[in-house]
Amino acid sequence: MEDLLKFLIGPLVTDVKKVKIEKFQEDKNIRFVVSVPKEDIAKVIGKNGKMIKSIKNLLKVRAIKENVFAFVEVIEV
């Protein structure tokens, strides 16, 4: 699932190397913490949060397919 998250966020940021994705897993719960540079945070969140909602929905579909629960948190670096 981390590869899907990288694939979705990659085109939105200016430098992919500055984006850091951390994965925390407890049983069937997976939490991803995505650290995004300050200049790109608006692109990742999108207008009225539409972009991050879409990313979360796509990740949720993948999580259901893998029989787990996934949560994404975006923080500014």
PDB file of N, CA and C in Angstrom:
ATOM      1  N   MET A   1       0.815  -1.198   0.000  1.00  0.00           N
ATOM      2  CA  MET A   1       0.000   0.000   0.000  1.00  0.00           C
ATOM      3  C   MET A   1       0.854   1.255   0.000  1.00  0.00           C
ATOM      4  N   GLU A   2       2.040   1.129   0.548  1.00  0.00           N
ATOM      5  CA  GLU A   2       2.940   2.286   0.583  1.00  0.00           C
ATOM      6  C   GLU A   2       3.332   2.705  -0.830  1.00  0.00           C
ATOM      7  N   ASP A   3       3.471   1.731  -1.721  1.00  0.00           N
ATOM      8  CA  ASP A   3       3.809   2.051  -3.102  1.00  0.00           C
ATOM      9  C   ASP A   3       2.686   2.812  -3.795  1.00  0.00           C
ATOM     10  N   LEU A   4       1.442   2.479  -3.487  1.00  0.00           N
ATOM     11  CA  LEU A   4       0.297   3.195  -4.038  1.00  0.00           C
ATOM     12  C   LEU A   4       0.291   4.637  -3.539  1.00  0.00           C
ATOM     13  N   LEU A   5       0.578   4.823  -2.278  1.00  0.00           N
ATOM     14  CA  LEU A   5       0.617   6.163  -1.690  1.00  0.00           C
ATOM     15  C   LEU A   5       1.714   7.011  -2.341  1.00  0.00           C
ATOM     16  N   LYS A   6       2.879   6.425  -2.555  1.00  0.00           N
ATOM     17  CA  LYS A   6       3.963   7.133  -3.237  1.00  0.00           C
ATOM     18  C   LYS A   6       3.568   7.484  -4.664  1.00  0.00           C
ATOM     19  N   PHE A   7       2.908   6.554  -5.331  1.00  0.00           N
ATOM     20  CA  PHE A   7       2.472   6.767  -6.708  1.00  0.00           C
ATOM     21  C   PHE A   7       1.466   7.919  -6.808  1.00  0.00           C
ATOM     22  N   LEU A   8       0.567   8.028  -5.837  1.00  0.00           N
ATOM     23  CA  LEU A   8      -0.461   9.065  -5.870  1.00  0.00           C
ATOM     24  C   LEU A   8       0.070  10.442  -5.464  1.00  0.00           C
ATOM     25  N   ILE A   9       0.983  10.487  -4.522  1.00  0.00           N
ATOM     26  CA  ILE A   9       1.493  11.767  -4.022  1.00  0.00           C
ATOM     27  C   ILE A   9       2.650  12.291  -4.870  1.00  0.00           C
ATOM     28  N   GLY A  10       3.392  11.412  -5.494  1.00  0.00           N
ATOM     29  CA  GLY A  10       4.559  11.789  -6.285  1.00  0.00           C
ATOM     30  C   GLY A  10       4.341  12.917  -7.280  1.00  0.00           C
ATOM     31  N   PRO A  11       3.347  12.833  -8.147  1.00  0.00           N
ATOM     32  CA  PRO A  11       3.147  13.898  -9.145  1.00  0.00           C
ATOM     33  C   PRO A  11       2.689  15.238  -8.552  1.00  0.00           C
ATOM     34  N   LEU A  12       2.231  15.238  -7.319  1.00  0.00           N
ATOM     35  CA  LEU A  12       1.710  16.463  -6.714  1.00  0.00           C
ATOM     36  C   LEU A  12       2.798  17.351  -6.117  1.00  0.00           C
ATOM     37  N   VAL A  13       3.943  16.776  -5.804  1.00  0.00           N
ATOM     38  CA  VAL A  13       5.005  17.530  -5.139  1.00  0.00           C
ATOM     39  C   VAL A  13       6.128  17.861  -6.119  1.00  0.00           C
ATOM     40  N   THR A  14       6.912  18.904  -5.783  1.00  0.00           N
ATOM     41  CA  THR A  14       7.995  19.314  -6.670  1.00  0.00           C
ATOM     42  C   THR A  14       9.205  18.398  -6.545  1.00  0.00           C
ATOM     43  N   ASP A  15       9.501  17.926  -5.337  1.00  0.00           N
ATOM     44  CA  ASP A  15      10.640  17.031  -5.126  1.00  0.00           C
ATOM     45  C   ASP A  15      10.180  15.821  -4.318  1.00  0.00           C
ATOM     46  N   VAL A  16      10.116  14.687  -4.964  1.00  0.00           N
ATOM     47  CA  VAL A  16       9.617  13.461  -4.334  1.00  0.00           C
ATOM     48  C   VAL A  16      10.530  13.013  -3.200  1.00  0.00           C
ATOM     49  N   LYS A  17      11.813  13.339  -3.284  1.00  0.00           N
ATOM     50  CA  LYS A  17      12.772  12.912  -2.265  1.00  0.00           C
ATOM     51  C   LYS A  17      12.515  13.566  -0.912  1.00  0.00           C
ATOM     52  N   LYS A  18      11.826  14.705  -0.900  1.00  0.00           N
ATOM     53  CA  LYS A  18      11.532  15.393   0.362  1.00  0.00           C
ATOM     54  C   LYS A  18      10.308  14.819   1.065  1.00  0.00           C
ATOM     55  N   VAL A  19       9.526  14.016   0.373  1.00  0.00           N
ATOM     56  CA  VAL A  19       8.327  13.406   0.959  1.00  0.00           C
ATOM     57  C   VAL A  19       8.750  12.149   1.718  1.00  0.00           C
ATOM     58  N   LYS A  20       8.294  12.058   2.956  1.00  0.00           N
ATOM     59  CA  LYS A  20       8.646  10.912   3.794  1.00  0.00           C
ATOM     60  C   LYS A  20       7.355  10.214   4.218  1.00  0.00           C
ATOM     61  N   ILE A  21       7.293   8.918   4.009  1.00  0.00           N
ATOM     62  CA  ILE A  21       6.117   8.133   4.379  1.00  0.00           C
ATOM     63  C   ILE A  21       6.529   7.135   5.457  1.00  0.00           C
ATOM     64  N   GLU A  22       5.876   7.234   6.608  1.00  0.00           N
ATOM     65  CA  GLU A  22       6.129   6.303   7.702  1.00  0.00           C
ATOM     66  C   GLU A  22       4.915   5.397   7.859  1.00  0.00           C
ATOM     67  N   LYS A  23       5.167   4.134   8.143  1.00  0.00           N
ATOM     68  CA  LYS A  23       4.095   3.157   8.273  1.00  0.00           C
ATOM     69  C   LYS A  23       4.120   2.575   9.683  1.00  0.00           C
ATOM     70  N   PHE A  24       2.959   2.625  10.347  1.00  0.00           N
ATOM     71  CA  PHE A  24       2.795   2.044  11.677  1.00  0.00           C
ATOM     72  C   PHE A  24       1.680   1.015  11.596  1.00  0.00           C
ATOM     73  N   GLN A  25       1.953  -0.208  12.028  1.00  0.00           N
ATOM     74  CA  GLN A  25       0.956  -1.265  11.905  1.00  0.00           C
ATOM     75  C   GLN A  25       0.712  -1.945  13.240  1.00  0.00           C
ATOM     76  N   GLU A  26      -0.571  -2.094  13.564  1.00  0.00           N
ATOM     77  CA  GLU A  26      -1.015  -2.861  14.725  1.00  0.00           C
ATOM     78  C   GLU A  26      -2.098  -3.810  14.238  1.00  0.00           C
ATOM     79  N   ASP A  27      -1.826  -5.075  14.248  1.00  0.00           N
ATOM     80  CA  ASP A  27      -2.764  -6.094  13.761  1.00  0.00           C
ATOM     81  C   ASP A  27      -3.240  -5.751  12.357  1.00  0.00           C
ATOM     82  N   LYS A  28      -4.541  -5.433  12.213  1.00  0.00           N
ATOM     83  CA  LYS A  28      -5.094  -5.112  10.900  1.00  0.00           C
ATOM     84  C   LYS A  28      -5.243  -3.609  10.669  1.00  0.00           C
ATOM     85  N   ASN A  29      -4.719  -2.799  11.564  1.00  0.00           N
ATOM     86  CA  ASN A  29      -4.773  -1.344  11.418  1.00  0.00           C
ATOM     87  C   ASN A  29      -3.419  -0.824  10.947  1.00  0.00           C
ATOM     88  N   ILE A  30      -3.439  -0.095   9.849  1.00  0.00           N
ATOM     89  CA  ILE A  30      -2.210   0.488   9.311  1.00  0.00           C
ATOM     90  C   ILE A  30      -2.399   1.998   9.254  1.00  0.00           C
ATOM     91  N   ARG A  31      -1.430   2.721   9.825  1.00  0.00           N
ATOM     92  CA  ARG A  31      -1.475   4.186   9.800  1.00  0.00           C
ATOM     93  C   ARG A  31      -0.255   4.680   9.038  1.00  0.00           C
ATOM     94  N   PHE A  32      -0.515   5.506   8.032  1.00  0.00           N
ATOM     95  CA  PHE A  32       0.550   6.114   7.254  1.00  0.00           C
ATOM     96  C   PHE A  32       0.651   7.577   7.641  1.00  0.00           C
ATOM     97  N   VAL A  33       1.850   8.021   7.974  1.00  0.00           N
ATOM     98  CA  VAL A  33       2.107   9.428   8.264  1.00  0.00           C
ATOM     99  C   VAL A  33       2.968   9.951   7.124  1.00  0.00           C
ATOM    100  N   VAL A  34       2.403  10.890   6.360  1.00  0.00           N
ATOM    101  CA  VAL A  34       3.081  11.434   5.193  1.00  0.00           C
ATOM    102  C   VAL A  34       3.586  12.832   5.541  1.00  0.00           C
ATOM    103  N   SER A  35       4.899  13.008   5.511  1.00  0.00           N
ATOM    104  CA  SER A  35       5.516  14.313   5.772  1.00  0.00           C
ATOM    105  C   SER A  35       5.766  14.996   4.434  1.00  0.00           C
ATOM    106  N   VAL A  36       5.137  16.166   4.253  1.00  0.00           N
ATOM    107  CA  VAL A  36       5.217  16.890   2.986  1.00  0.00           C
ATOM    108  C   VAL A  36       5.824  18.268   3.247  1.00  0.00           C
ATOM    109  N   PRO A  37       6.712  18.753   2.361  1.00  0.00           N
ATOM    110  CA  PRO A  37       7.275  20.094   2.536  1.00  0.00           C
ATOM    111  C   PRO A  37       6.186  21.177   2.517  1.00  0.00           C
ATOM    112  N   LYS A  38       6.482  22.270   3.199  1.00  0.00           N
ATOM    113  CA  LYS A  38       5.521  23.356   3.357  1.00  0.00           C
ATOM    114  C   LYS A  38       5.008  23.900   2.020  1.00  0.00           C
ATOM    115  N   GLU A  39       5.884  23.983   1.031  1.00  0.00           N
ATOM    116  CA  GLU A  39       5.481  24.561  -0.253  1.00  0.00           C
ATOM    117  C   GLU A  39       4.557  23.645  -1.060  1.00  0.00           C
ATOM    118  N   ASP A  40       4.495  22.367  -0.715  1.00  0.00           N
ATOM    119  CA  ASP A  40       3.668  21.414  -1.471  1.00  0.00           C
ATOM    120  C   ASP A  40       2.429  20.932  -0.719  1.00  0.00           C
ATOM    121  N   ILE A  41       2.272  21.332   0.520  1.00  0.00           N
ATOM    122  CA  ILE A  41       1.159  20.817   1.331  1.00  0.00           C
ATOM    123  C   ILE A  41      -0.196  21.175   0.725  1.00  0.00           C
ATOM    124  N   ALA A  42      -0.307  22.370   0.148  1.00  0.00           N
ATOM    125  CA  ALA A  42      -1.580  22.791  -0.441  1.00  0.00           C
ATOM    126  C   ALA A  42      -1.960  21.928  -1.639  1.00  0.00           C
ATOM    127  N   LYS A  43      -0.969  21.510  -2.407  1.00  0.00           N
ATOM    128  CA  LYS A  43      -1.241  20.659  -3.572  1.00  0.00           C
ATOM    129  C   LYS A  43      -1.719  19.276  -3.145  1.00  0.00           C
ATOM    130  N   VAL A  44      -1.148  18.763  -2.061  1.00  0.00           N
ATOM    131  CA  VAL A  44      -1.514  17.429  -1.591  1.00  0.00           C
ATOM    132  C   VAL A  44      -2.909  17.437  -0.973  1.00  0.00           C
ATOM    133  N   ILE A  45      -3.226  18.478  -0.213  1.00  0.00           N
ATOM    134  CA  ILE A  45      -4.549  18.563   0.411  1.00  0.00           C
ATOM    135  C   ILE A  45      -5.611  18.928  -0.619  1.00  0.00           C
ATOM    136  N   GLY A  46      -5.311  19.862  -1.504  1.00  0.00           N
ATOM    137  CA  GLY A  46      -6.241  20.251  -2.549  1.00  0.00           C
ATOM    138  C   GLY A  46      -7.287  21.239  -2.052  1.00  0.00           C
ATOM    139  N   LYS A  47      -8.072  21.708  -2.974  1.00  0.00           N
ATOM    140  CA  LYS A  47      -9.118  22.682  -2.654  1.00  0.00           C
ATOM    141  C   LYS A  47     -10.223  21.998  -1.856  1.00  0.00           C
ATOM    142  N   ASN A  48     -10.497  22.544  -0.683  1.00  0.00           N
ATOM    143  CA  ASN A  48     -11.495  21.982   0.240  1.00  0.00           C
ATOM    144  C   ASN A  48     -11.186  20.532   0.629  1.00  0.00           C
ATOM    145  N   GLY A  49      -9.930  20.134   0.531  1.00  0.00           N
ATOM    146  CA  GLY A  49      -9.531  18.788   0.929  1.00  0.00           C
ATOM    147  C   GLY A  49      -9.903  17.701  -0.060  1.00  0.00           C
ATOM    148  N   LYS A  50     -10.271  18.071  -1.256  1.00  0.00           N
ATOM    149  CA  LYS A  50     -10.724  17.072  -2.237  1.00  0.00           C
ATOM    150  C   LYS A  50      -9.619  16.104  -2.659  1.00  0.00           C
ATOM    151  N   MET A  51      -8.401  16.604  -2.799  1.00  0.00           N
ATOM    152  CA  MET A  51      -7.309  15.738  -3.254  1.00  0.00           C
ATOM    153  C   MET A  51      -6.969  14.685  -2.204  1.00  0.00           C
ATOM    154  N   ILE A  52      -6.825  15.094  -0.949  1.00  0.00           N
ATOM    155  CA  ILE A  52      -6.476  14.125   0.094  1.00  0.00           C
ATOM    156  C   ILE A  52      -7.630  13.153   0.336  1.00  0.00           C
ATOM    157  N   LYS A  53      -8.860  13.601   0.179  1.00  0.00           N
ATOM    158  CA  LYS A  53     -10.009  12.689   0.310  1.00  0.00           C
ATOM    159  C   LYS A  53      -9.963  11.621  -0.771  1.00  0.00           C
ATOM    160  N   SER A  54      -9.609  12.019  -1.985  1.00  0.00           N
ATOM    161  CA  SER A  54      -9.512  11.061  -3.087  1.00  0.00           C
ATOM    162  C   SER A  54      -8.394  10.051  -2.837  1.00  0.00           C
ATOM    163  N   ILE A  55      -7.264  10.550  -2.329  1.00  0.00           N
ATOM    164  CA  ILE A  55      -6.142   9.657  -2.023  1.00  0.00           C
ATOM    165  C   ILE A  55      -6.551   8.663  -0.940  1.00  0.00           C
ATOM    166  N   LYS A  56      -7.238   9.150   0.089  1.00  0.00           N
ATOM    167  CA  LYS A  56      -7.690   8.273   1.175  1.00  0.00           C
ATOM    168  C   LYS A  56      -8.686   7.234   0.674  1.00  0.00           C
ATOM    169  N   ASN A  57      -9.587   7.641  -0.227  1.00  0.00           N
ATOM    170  CA  ASN A  57     -10.563   6.696  -0.768  1.00  0.00           C
ATOM    171  C   ASN A  57      -9.892   5.595  -1.584  1.00  0.00           C
ATOM    172  N   LEU A  58      -8.920   5.956  -2.406  1.00  0.00           N
ATOM    173  CA  LEU A  58      -8.209   4.946  -3.188  1.00  0.00           C
ATOM    174  C   LEU A  58      -7.435   3.995  -2.284  1.00  0.00           C
ATOM    175  N   LEU A  59      -6.837   4.539  -1.230  1.00  0.00           N
ATOM    176  CA  LEU A  59      -6.113   3.695  -0.287  1.00  0.00           C
ATOM    177  C   LEU A  59      -7.066   2.779   0.479  1.00  0.00           C
ATOM    178  N   LYS A  60      -8.258   3.277   0.770  1.00  0.00           N
ATOM    179  CA  LYS A  60      -9.266   2.479   1.476  1.00  0.00           C
ATOM    180  C   LYS A  60      -9.695   1.285   0.621  1.00  0.00           C
ATOM    181  N   VAL A  61      -9.843   1.502  -0.678  1.00  0.00           N
ATOM    182  CA  VAL A  61     -10.212   0.410  -1.588  1.00  0.00           C
ATOM    183  C   VAL A  61      -9.137  -0.667  -1.578  1.00  0.00           C
ATOM    184  N   ARG A  62      -7.884  -0.236  -1.638  1.00  0.00           N
ATOM    185  CA  ARG A  62      -6.770  -1.195  -1.599  1.00  0.00           C
ATOM    186  C   ARG A  62      -6.723  -1.936  -0.262  1.00  0.00           C
ATOM    187  N   ALA A  63      -7.017  -1.210   0.834  1.00  0.00           N
ATOM    188  CA  ALA A  63      -6.999  -1.821   2.165  1.00  0.00           C
ATOM    189  C   ALA A  63      -8.097  -2.872   2.295  1.00  0.00           C
ATOM    190  N   ILE A  64      -9.268  -2.579   1.777  1.00  0.00           N
ATOM    191  CA  ILE A  64     -10.372  -3.548   1.827  1.00  0.00           C
ATOM    192  C   ILE A  64      -9.987  -4.807   1.049  1.00  0.00           C
ATOM    193  N   LYS A  65      -9.337  -4.613  -0.070  1.00  0.00           N
ATOM    194  CA  LYS A  65      -8.898  -5.751  -0.882  1.00  0.00           C
ATOM    195  C   LYS A  65      -7.895  -6.620  -0.120  1.00  0.00           C
ATOM    196  N   GLU A  66      -7.059  -5.980   0.725  1.00  0.00           N
ATOM    197  CA  GLU A  66      -6.064  -6.708   1.505  1.00  0.00           C
ATOM    198  C   GLU A  66      -6.565  -7.082   2.898  1.00  0.00           C
ATOM    199  N   ASN A  67      -7.841  -6.797   3.181  1.00  0.00           N
ATOM    200  CA  ASN A  67      -8.485  -7.151   4.436  1.00  0.00           C
ATOM    201  C   ASN A  67      -7.838  -6.472   5.656  1.00  0.00           C
ATOM    202  N   VAL A  68      -7.529  -5.175   5.506  1.00  0.00           N
ATOM    203  CA  VAL A  68      -6.982  -4.377   6.601  1.00  0.00           C
ATOM    204  C   VAL A  68      -7.682  -3.020   6.627  1.00  0.00           C
ATOM    205  N   PHE A  69      -7.389  -2.206   7.652  1.00  0.00           N
ATOM    206  CA  PHE A  69      -7.913  -0.858   7.754  1.00  0.00           C
ATOM    207  C   PHE A  69      -6.750   0.111   7.646  1.00  0.00           C
ATOM    208  N   ALA A  70      -6.832   1.077   6.722  1.00  0.00           N
ATOM    209  CA  ALA A  70      -5.736   2.019   6.512  1.00  0.00           C
ATOM    210  C   ALA A  70      -6.186   3.440   6.821  1.00  0.00           C
ATOM    211  N   PHE A  71      -5.283   4.214   7.419  1.00  0.00           N
ATOM    212  CA  PHE A  71      -5.537   5.604   7.778  1.00  0.00           C
ATOM    213  C   PHE A  71      -4.335   6.422   7.333  1.00  0.00           C
ATOM    214  N   VAL A  72      -4.597   7.586   6.721  1.00  0.00           N
ATOM    215  CA  VAL A  72      -3.532   8.447   6.233  1.00  0.00           C
ATOM    216  C   VAL A  72      -3.567   9.770   6.981  1.00  0.00           C
ATOM    217  N   GLU A  73      -2.402  10.183   7.439  1.00  0.00           N
ATOM    218  CA  GLU A  73      -2.262  11.473   8.131  1.00  0.00           C
ATOM    219  C   GLU A  73      -1.179  12.262   7.390  1.00  0.00           C
ATOM    220  N   VAL A  74      -1.474  13.517   7.042  1.00  0.00           N
ATOM    221  CA  VAL A  74      -0.514  14.357   6.331  1.00  0.00           C
ATOM    222  C   VAL A  74      -0.028  15.443   7.279  1.00  0.00           C
ATOM    223  N   ILE A  75       1.298  15.557   7.405  1.00  0.00           N
ATOM    224  CA  ILE A  75       1.857  16.607   8.246  1.00  0.00           C
ATOM    225  C   ILE A  75       2.825  17.453   7.429  1.00  0.00           C
ATOM    226  N   GLU A  76       2.956  18.702   7.831  1.00  0.00           N
ATOM    227  CA  GLU A  76       3.815  19.659   7.136  1.00  0.00           C
ATOM    228  C   GLU A  76       5.201  19.648   7.775  1.00  0.00           C
ATOM    229  N   VAL A  77       6.219  19.653   6.938  1.00  0.00           N
ATOM    230  CA  VAL A  77       7.598  19.650   7.442  1.00  0.00           C
ATOM    231  C   VAL A  77       8.192  21.032   7.260  1.00  0.00           C
TER     232      VAL A  77
END
